[in-house]
Each structure stands twice: as C-alpha cells, then as structure tokens.
C-alpha cells in the first residue's frame, strides 16, 4: 500500500473501528499521531535492516576489501533509495 491516501483511509477506518464511528473525524490529531508512528516504525525497520547488511559486510574477512566496499556501497544506496 504505497499510496499515502490509502494509508490515511486505513488509519481512519481502524480508528473508527476501535473507538466508534466518527472518532477519526472528531480527532484528526489522533489520525496524524497514528500515521506518524507507523511512518517512524517503517523507517526504523528499513534502517535496522540496512545496518544489519552493513555489519554483515564488515564482518566477512575472507573477501577482498574491494568486494566489501561494493557491498557497503550497495547498503548505503538502499538507505538513500529503498
């Protein structure tokens, strides 16, 4: 679900499901907070995965330095362009 509007609708419908119809419309700050939390969690997962890849690339000692450098460059590229 890459579309931000689709995410917004899911958040609104879940808030209404949990707290009752109309709760999301009456509490837009809650919708914003839930969307921010979900976005932060997703970003943290991407960063953690990238850090794991970097750690793995650094720990492989039998590979030539140039191969490790290529792996690190790939990991860094993943952080910039997921």
PDB file of N, CA and C in Angstrom:
ATOM      1  N   UNK A   1       0.845  -1.173   0.000  1.00  0.00           N
ATOM      2  CA  UNK A   1       0.000   0.000   0.000  1.00  0.00           C
ATOM      3  C   UNK A   1       0.894   1.241   0.000  1.00  0.00           C
ATOM      4  N   UNK A   2       1.330   1.642  -1.178  1.00  0.00           N
ATOM      5  CA  UNK A   2       2.264   2.754  -1.288  1.00  0.00           C
ATOM      6  C   UNK A   2       1.572   4.114  -1.308  1.00  0.00           C
ATOM      7  N   UNK A   3       0.297   4.130  -1.596  1.00  0.00           N
ATOM      8  CA  UNK A   3      -0.435   5.374  -1.723  1.00  0.00           C
ATOM      9  C   UNK A   3      -0.737   5.977  -0.348  1.00  0.00           C
ATOM     10  N   UNK A   4      -0.233   7.190  -0.072  1.00  0.00           N
ATOM     11  CA  UNK A   4      -0.487   7.812   1.238  1.00  0.00           C
ATOM     12  C   UNK A   4      -1.971   8.010   1.545  1.00  0.00           C
ATOM     13  N   UNK A   5      -2.785   8.287   0.526  1.00  0.00           N
ATOM     14  CA  UNK A   5      -4.221   8.459   0.781  1.00  0.00           C
ATOM     15  C   UNK A   5      -4.861   7.147   1.188  1.00  0.00           C
ATOM     16  N   UNK A   6      -4.394   6.040   0.610  1.00  0.00           N
ATOM     17  CA  UNK A   6      -4.919   4.734   1.002  1.00  0.00           C
ATOM     18  C   UNK A   6      -4.544   4.434   2.450  1.00  0.00           C
ATOM     19  N   UNK A   7      -3.319   4.772   2.834  1.00  0.00           N
ATOM     20  CA  UNK A   7      -2.893   4.583   4.222  1.00  0.00           C
ATOM     21  C   UNK A   7      -3.758   5.417   5.157  1.00  0.00           C
ATOM     22  N   UNK A   8      -4.036   6.641   4.753  1.00  0.00           N
ATOM     23  CA  UNK A   8      -4.854   7.538   5.558  1.00  0.00           C
ATOM     24  C   UNK A   8      -6.241   6.946   5.776  1.00  0.00           C
ATOM     25  N   UNK A   9      -6.816   6.404   4.724  1.00  0.00           N
ATOM     26  CA  UNK A   9      -8.149   5.802   4.839  1.00  0.00           C
ATOM     27  C   UNK A   9      -8.122   4.575   5.751  1.00  0.00           C
ATOM     28  N   UNK A  10      -7.065   3.783   5.678  1.00  0.00           N
ATOM     29  CA  UNK A  10      -6.945   2.613   6.559  1.00  0.00           C
ATOM     30  C   UNK A  10      -6.863   3.065   8.011  1.00  0.00           C
ATOM     31  N   UNK A  11      -6.056   4.085   8.270  1.00  0.00           N
ATOM     32  CA  UNK A  11      -5.913   4.593   9.635  1.00  0.00           C
ATOM     33  C   UNK A  11      -7.257   5.106  10.142  1.00  0.00           C
ATOM     34  N   UNK A  12      -7.939   5.888   9.330  1.00  0.00           N
ATOM     35  CA  UNK A  12      -9.244   6.429   9.743  1.00  0.00           C
ATOM     36  C   UNK A  12     -10.244   5.309  10.030  1.00  0.00           C
ATOM     37  N   UNK A  13     -10.284   4.316   9.155  1.00  0.00           N
ATOM     38  CA  UNK A  13     -11.256   3.235   9.361  1.00  0.00           C
ATOM     39  C   UNK A  13     -10.904   2.395  10.587  1.00  0.00           C
ATOM     40  N   UNK A  14      -9.620   2.200  10.848  1.00  0.00           N
ATOM     41  CA  UNK A  14      -9.222   1.438  12.041  1.00  0.00           C
ATOM     42  C   UNK A  14      -9.536   2.207  13.323  1.00  0.00           C
ATOM     43  N   UNK A  15      -9.293   3.510  13.313  1.00  0.00           N
ATOM     44  CA  UNK A  15      -9.627   4.320  14.487  1.00  0.00           C
ATOM     45  C   UNK A  15     -11.132   4.273  14.735  1.00  0.00           C
ATOM     46  N   UNK A  16     -11.908   4.406  13.681  1.00  0.00           N
ATOM     47  CA  UNK A  16     -13.372   4.328  13.830  1.00  0.00           C
ATOM     48  C   UNK A  16     -13.804   2.941  14.288  1.00  0.00           C
ATOM     49  N   UNK A  17     -13.132   1.891  13.805  1.00  0.00           N
ATOM     50  CA  UNK A  17     -13.488   0.538  14.215  1.00  0.00           C
ATOM     51  C   UNK A  17     -13.224   0.331  15.703  1.00  0.00           C
ATOM     52  N   UNK A  18     -12.097   0.852  16.176  1.00  0.00           N
ATOM     53  CA  UNK A  18     -11.711   0.650  17.572  1.00  0.00           C
ATOM     54  C   UNK A  18     -12.493   1.572  18.514  1.00  0.00           C
ATOM     55  N   UNK A  19     -12.647   2.832  18.144  1.00  0.00           N
ATOM     56  CA  UNK A  19     -13.246   3.818  19.055  1.00  0.00           C
ATOM     57  C   UNK A  19     -14.677   4.213  18.722  1.00  0.00           C
ATOM     58  N   UNK A  20     -15.188   3.750  17.599  1.00  0.00           N
ATOM     59  CA  UNK A  20     -16.554   4.085  17.213  1.00  0.00           C
ATOM     60  C   UNK A  20     -16.603   5.014  16.014  1.00  0.00           C
ATOM     61  N   UNK A  21     -17.700   4.927  15.280  1.00  0.00           N
ATOM     62  CA  UNK A  21     -17.867   5.737  14.064  1.00  0.00           C
ATOM     63  C   UNK A  21     -17.739   7.227  14.356  1.00  0.00           C
ATOM     64  N   UNK A  22     -17.006   7.893  13.487  1.00  0.00           N
ATOM     65  CA  UNK A  22     -16.843   9.339  13.597  1.00  0.00           C
ATOM     66  C   UNK A  22     -15.704   9.784  14.501  1.00  0.00           C
ATOM     67  N   UNK A  23     -15.050   8.851  15.198  1.00  0.00           N
ATOM     68  CA  UNK A  23     -13.991   9.240  16.128  1.00  0.00           C
ATOM     69  C   UNK A  23     -12.788   9.827  15.391  1.00  0.00           C
ATOM     70  N   UNK A  24     -12.443   9.257  14.246  1.00  0.00           N
ATOM     71  CA  UNK A  24     -11.311   9.773  13.479  1.00  0.00           C
ATOM     72  C   UNK A  24     -11.578  11.191  12.995  1.00  0.00           C
ATOM     73  N   UNK A  25     -12.795  11.440  12.512  1.00  0.00           N
ATOM     74  CA  UNK A  25     -13.144  12.780  12.030  1.00  0.00           C
ATOM     75  C   UNK A  25     -13.146  13.792  13.179  1.00  0.00           C
ATOM     76  N   UNK A  26     -13.542  13.354  14.360  1.00  0.00           N
ATOM     77  CA  UNK A  26     -13.595  14.254  15.512  1.00  0.00           C
ATOM     78  C   UNK A  26     -12.219  14.469  16.151  1.00  0.00           C
ATOM     79  N   UNK A  27     -11.272  13.589  15.832  1.00  0.00           N
ATOM     80  CA  UNK A  27      -9.934  13.670  16.438  1.00  0.00           C
ATOM     81  C   UNK A  27      -8.841  13.544  15.380  1.00  0.00           C
ATOM     82  N   UNK A  28      -8.696  14.559  14.534  1.00  0.00           N
ATOM     83  CA  UNK A  28      -7.691  14.483  13.467  1.00  0.00           C
ATOM     84  C   UNK A  28      -6.259  14.366  14.011  1.00  0.00           C
ATOM     85  N   UNK A  29      -6.031  14.880  15.227  1.00  0.00           N
ATOM     86  CA  UNK A  29      -4.697  14.772  15.816  1.00  0.00           C
ATOM     87  C   UNK A  29      -4.342  13.313  16.101  1.00  0.00           C
ATOM     88  N   UNK A  30      -5.332  12.477  16.379  1.00  0.00           N
ATOM     89  CA  UNK A  30      -5.093  11.054  16.592  1.00  0.00           C
ATOM     90  C   UNK A  30      -4.714  10.380  15.281  1.00  0.00           C
ATOM     91  N   UNK A  31      -5.392  10.761  14.201  1.00  0.00           N
ATOM     92  CA  UNK A  31      -5.057  10.217  12.877  1.00  0.00           C
ATOM     93  C   UNK A  31      -3.615  10.572  12.529  1.00  0.00           C
ATOM     94  N   UNK A  32      -3.230  11.802  12.763  1.00  0.00           N
ATOM     95  CA  UNK A  32      -1.862  12.249  12.481  1.00  0.00           C
ATOM     96  C   UNK A  32      -0.861  11.481  13.332  1.00  0.00           C
ATOM     97  N   UNK A  33      -1.158  11.313  14.600  1.00  0.00           N
ATOM     98  CA  UNK A  33      -0.245  10.603  15.502  1.00  0.00           C
ATOM     99  C   UNK A  33      -0.052   9.147  15.080  1.00  0.00           C
ATOM    100  N   UNK A  34      -1.143   8.485  14.687  1.00  0.00           N
ATOM    101  CA  UNK A  34      -1.044   7.090  14.256  1.00  0.00           C
ATOM    102  C   UNK A  34      -0.238   6.989  12.966  1.00  0.00           C
ATOM    103  N   UNK A  35      -0.485   7.887  12.030  1.00  0.00           N
ATOM    104  CA  UNK A  35       0.262   7.856  10.767  1.00  0.00           C
ATOM    105  C   UNK A  35       1.740   8.157  11.001  1.00  0.00           C
ATOM    106  N   UNK A  36       2.054   9.094  11.877  1.00  0.00           N
ATOM    107  CA  UNK A  36       3.453   9.402  12.191  1.00  0.00           C
ATOM    108  C   UNK A  36       4.139   8.206  12.852  1.00  0.00           C
ATOM    109  N   UNK A  37       3.448   7.554  13.762  1.00  0.00           N
ATOM    110  CA  UNK A  37       4.023   6.388  14.436  1.00  0.00           C
ATOM    111  C   UNK A  37       4.290   5.269  13.435  1.00  0.00           C
ATOM    112  N   UNK A  38       3.355   5.032  12.545  1.00  0.00           N
ATOM    113  CA  UNK A  38       3.538   3.987  11.539  1.00  0.00           C
ATOM    114  C   UNK A  38       4.686   4.324  10.602  1.00  0.00           C
ATOM    115  N   UNK A  39       4.790   5.584  10.203  1.00  0.00           N
ATOM    116  CA  UNK A  39       5.888   6.004   9.324  1.00  0.00           C
ATOM    117  C   UNK A  39       7.237   5.866  10.017  1.00  0.00           C
ATOM    118  N   UNK A  40       7.299   6.257  11.270  1.00  0.00           N
ATOM    119  CA  UNK A  40       8.549   6.143  12.030  1.00  0.00           C
ATOM    120  C   UNK A  40       8.956   4.690  12.208  1.00  0.00           C
ATOM    121  N   UNK A  41       7.974   3.834  12.473  1.00  0.00           N
ATOM    122  CA  UNK A  41       8.255   2.415  12.636  1.00  0.00           C
ATOM    123  C   UNK A  41       8.783   1.814  11.340  1.00  0.00           C
ATOM    124  N   UNK A  42       8.179   2.165  10.218  1.00  0.00           N
ATOM    125  CA  UNK A  42       8.618   1.656   8.924  1.00  0.00           C
ATOM    126  C   UNK A  42      10.046   2.121   8.628  1.00  0.00           C
ATOM    127  N   UNK A  43      10.329   3.395   8.876  1.00  0.00           N
ATOM    128  CA  UNK A  43      11.672   3.923   8.638  1.00  0.00           C
ATOM    129  C   UNK A  43      12.696   3.235   9.536  1.00  0.00           C
ATOM    130  N   UNK A  44      12.342   3.001  10.786  1.00  0.00           N
ATOM    131  CA  UNK A  44      13.251   2.328  11.714  1.00  0.00           C
ATOM    132  C   UNK A  44      13.549   0.906  11.253  1.00  0.00           C
ATOM    133  N   UNK A  45      12.541   0.215  10.718  1.00  0.00           N
ATOM    134  CA  UNK A  45      12.763  -1.137  10.209  1.00  0.00           C
ATOM    135  C   UNK A  45      13.712  -1.131   9.017  1.00  0.00           C
ATOM    136  N   UNK A  46      13.548  -0.174   8.110  1.00  0.00           N
ATOM    137  CA  UNK A  46      14.445  -0.071   6.958  1.00  0.00           C
ATOM    138  C   UNK A  46      15.876   0.208   7.394  1.00  0.00           C
ATOM    139  N   UNK A  47      16.035   1.121   8.337  1.00  0.00           N
ATOM    140  CA  UNK A  47      17.371   1.472   8.816  1.00  0.00           C
ATOM    141  C   UNK A  47      18.014   0.296   9.533  1.00  0.00           C
ATOM    142  N   UNK A  48      17.245  -0.411  10.359  1.00  0.00           N
ATOM    143  CA  UNK A  48      17.785  -1.575  11.073  1.00  0.00           C
ATOM    144  C   UNK A  48      18.243  -2.647  10.093  1.00  0.00           C
ATOM    145  N   UNK A  49      17.442  -2.893   9.055  1.00  0.00           N
ATOM    146  CA  UNK A  49      17.814  -3.883   8.047  1.00  0.00           C
ATOM    147  C   UNK A  49      19.101  -3.473   7.330  1.00  0.00           C
ATOM    148  N   UNK A  50      19.213  -2.194   7.002  1.00  0.00           N
ATOM    149  CA  UNK A  50      20.411  -1.706   6.329  1.00  0.00           C
ATOM    150  C   UNK A  50      21.630  -1.819   7.236  1.00  0.00           C
ATOM    151  N   UNK A  51      21.479  -1.529   8.513  1.00  0.00           N
ATOM    152  CA  UNK A  51      22.588  -1.644   9.457  1.00  0.00           C
ATOM    153  C   UNK A  51      23.036  -3.100   9.572  1.00  0.00           C
ATOM    154  N   UNK A  52      22.087  -4.028   9.568  1.00  0.00           N
ATOM    155  CA  UNK A  52      22.447  -5.445   9.601  1.00  0.00           C
ATOM    156  C   UNK A  52      23.276  -5.827   8.379  1.00  0.00           C
ATOM    157  N   UNK A  53      22.882  -5.326   7.209  1.00  0.00           N
ATOM    158  CA  UNK A  53      23.632  -5.622   5.987  1.00  0.00           C
ATOM    159  C   UNK A  53      25.039  -5.029   6.051  1.00  0.00           C
ATOM    160  N   UNK A  54      25.156  -3.832   6.579  1.00  0.00           N
ATOM    161  CA  UNK A  54      26.465  -3.203   6.721  1.00  0.00           C
ATOM    162  C   UNK A  54      27.336  -4.019   7.676  1.00  0.00           C
ATOM    163  N   UNK A  55      26.761  -4.436   8.801  1.00  0.00           N
ATOM    164  CA  UNK A  55      27.502  -5.241   9.774  1.00  0.00           C
ATOM    165  C   UNK A  55      27.976  -6.551   9.143  1.00  0.00           C
ATOM    166  N   UNK A  56      27.096  -7.202   8.379  1.00  0.00           N
ATOM    167  CA  UNK A  56      27.485  -8.444   7.715  1.00  0.00           C
ATOM    168  C   UNK A  56      28.623  -8.201   6.731  1.00  0.00           C
ATOM    169  N   UNK A  57      28.546  -7.118   5.981  1.00  0.00           N
ATOM    170  CA  UNK A  57      29.589  -6.799   5.009  1.00  0.00           C
ATOM    171  C   UNK A  57      30.918  -6.517   5.699  1.00  0.00           C
ATOM    172  N   UNK A  58      30.883  -5.905   6.855  1.00  0.00           N
ATOM    173  CA  UNK A  58      32.112  -5.596   7.579  1.00  0.00           C
ATOM    174  C   UNK A  58      32.720  -6.824   8.243  1.00  0.00           C
ATOM    175  N   UNK A  59      31.898  -7.802   8.603  1.00  0.00           N
ATOM    176  CA  UNK A  59      32.388  -8.971   9.323  1.00  0.00           C
ATOM    177  C   UNK A  59      32.992 -10.039   8.431  1.00  0.00           C
ATOM    178  N   UNK A  60      32.747 -10.009   7.154  1.00  0.00           N
ATOM    179  CA  UNK A  60      33.280 -11.022   6.246  1.00  0.00           C
ATOM    180  C   UNK A  60      34.750 -10.703   5.984  1.00  0.00           C
ATOM    181  N   UNK A  61      35.636 -11.512   6.576  1.00  0.00           N
ATOM    182  CA  UNK A  61      37.072 -11.221   6.483  1.00  0.00           C
ATOM    183  C   UNK A  61      37.734 -11.867   5.279  1.00  0.00           C
ATOM    184  N   UNK A  62      37.186 -12.980   4.769  1.00  0.00           N
ATOM    185  CA  UNK A  62      37.850 -13.677   3.680  1.00  0.00           C
ATOM    186  C   UNK A  62      37.640 -13.018   2.320  1.00  0.00           C
ATOM    187  N   UNK A  63      36.733 -12.057   2.228  1.00  0.00           N
ATOM    188  CA  UNK A  63      36.514 -11.371   0.972  1.00  0.00           C
ATOM    189  C   UNK A  63      37.522 -10.246   0.798  1.00  0.00           C
ATOM    190  N   UNK A  64      37.877  -9.954  -0.447  1.00  0.00           N
ATOM    191  CA  UNK A  64      38.767  -8.811  -0.690  1.00  0.00           C
ATOM    192  C   UNK A  64      38.093  -7.507  -0.260  1.00  0.00           C
ATOM    193  N   UNK A  65      38.906  -6.548   0.064  1.00  0.00           N
ATOM    194  CA  UNK A  65      38.396  -5.252   0.523  1.00  0.00           C
ATOM    195  C   UNK A  65      37.494  -4.624  -0.530  1.00  0.00           C
ATOM    196  N   UNK A  66      37.833  -4.767  -1.807  1.00  0.00           N
ATOM    197  CA  UNK A  66      37.021  -4.155  -2.864  1.00  0.00           C
ATOM    198  C   UNK A  66      35.612  -4.737  -2.886  1.00  0.00           C
ATOM    199  N   UNK A  67      35.474  -6.045  -2.622  1.00  0.00           N
ATOM    200  CA  UNK A  67      34.147  -6.676  -2.590  1.00  0.00           C
ATOM    201  C   UNK A  67      33.349  -6.145  -1.407  1.00  0.00           C
ATOM    202  N   UNK A  68      34.014  -5.999  -0.253  1.00  0.00           N
ATOM    203  CA  UNK A  68      33.323  -5.444   0.914  1.00  0.00           C
ATOM    204  C   UNK A  68      32.893  -4.012   0.653  1.00  0.00           C
ATOM    205  N   UNK A  69      33.739  -3.245  -0.033  1.00  0.00           N
ATOM    206  CA  UNK A  69      33.396  -1.856  -0.341  1.00  0.00           C
ATOM    207  C   UNK A  69      32.178  -1.792  -1.252  1.00  0.00           C
ATOM    208  N   UNK A  70      32.095  -2.720  -2.219  1.00  0.00           N
ATOM    209  CA  UNK A  70      30.924  -2.763  -3.097  1.00  0.00           C
ATOM    210  C   UNK A  70      29.668  -3.078  -2.301  1.00  0.00           C
ATOM    211  N   UNK A  71      29.766  -4.025  -1.361  1.00  0.00           N
ATOM    212  CA  UNK A  71      28.608  -4.373  -0.533  1.00  0.00           C
ATOM    213  C   UNK A  71      28.167  -3.181   0.309  1.00  0.00           C
ATOM    214  N   UNK A  72      29.136  -2.474   0.890  1.00  0.00           N
ATOM    215  CA  UNK A  72      28.789  -1.303   1.700  1.00  0.00           C
ATOM    216  C   UNK A  72      28.131  -0.222   0.851  1.00  0.00           C
ATOM    217  N   UNK A  73      28.632  -0.048  -0.377  1.00  0.00           N
ATOM    218  CA  UNK A  73      28.033   0.943  -1.267  1.00  0.00           C
ATOM    219  C   UNK A  73      26.598   0.558  -1.605  1.00  0.00           C
ATOM    220  N   UNK A  74      26.349  -0.735  -1.795  1.00  0.00           N
ATOM    221  CA  UNK A  74      25.001  -1.217  -2.074  1.00  0.00           C
ATOM    222  C   UNK A  74      24.092  -0.960  -0.882  1.00  0.00           C
ATOM    223  N   UNK A  75      24.591  -1.211   0.328  1.00  0.00           N
ATOM    224  CA  UNK A  75      23.803  -0.964   1.548  1.00  0.00           C
ATOM    225  C   UNK A  75      23.478   0.518   1.673  1.00  0.00           C
ATOM    226  N   UNK A  76      24.468   1.360   1.427  1.00  0.00           N
ATOM    227  CA  UNK A  76      24.251   2.808   1.533  1.00  0.00           C
ATOM    228  C   UNK A  76      23.231   3.259   0.499  1.00  0.00           C
ATOM    229  N   UNK A  77      23.302   2.694  -0.690  1.00  0.00           N
ATOM    230  CA  UNK A  77      22.336   3.051  -1.738  1.00  0.00           C
ATOM    231  C   UNK A  77      20.925   2.654  -1.294  1.00  0.00           C
ATOM    232  N   UNK A  78      20.796   1.537  -0.616  1.00  0.00           N
ATOM    233  CA  UNK A  78      19.492   1.092  -0.113  1.00  0.00           C
ATOM    234  C   UNK A  78      18.908   2.047   0.911  1.00  0.00           C
ATOM    235  N   UNK A  79      19.769   2.706   1.671  1.00  0.00           N
ATOM    236  CA  UNK A  79      19.279   3.681   2.655  1.00  0.00           C
ATOM    237  C   UNK A  79      18.744   4.925   1.956  1.00  0.00           C
ATOM    238  N   UNK A  80      19.415   5.321   0.881  1.00  0.00           N
ATOM    239  CA  UNK A  80      19.023   6.538   0.178  1.00  0.00           C
ATOM    240  C   UNK A  80      17.814   6.273  -0.718  1.00  0.00           C
ATOM    241  N   UNK A  81      17.817   5.113  -1.377  1.00  0.00           N
ATOM    242  CA  UNK A  81      16.726   4.775  -2.315  1.00  0.00           C
ATOM    243  C   UNK A  81      16.209   3.379  -1.995  1.00  0.00           C
ATOM    244  N   UNK A  82      15.213   3.292  -1.074  1.00  0.00           N
ATOM    245  CA  UNK A  82      14.691   1.967  -0.704  1.00  0.00           C
ATOM    246  C   UNK A  82      13.932   1.294  -1.826  1.00  0.00           C
TER     247      UNK A  82
END
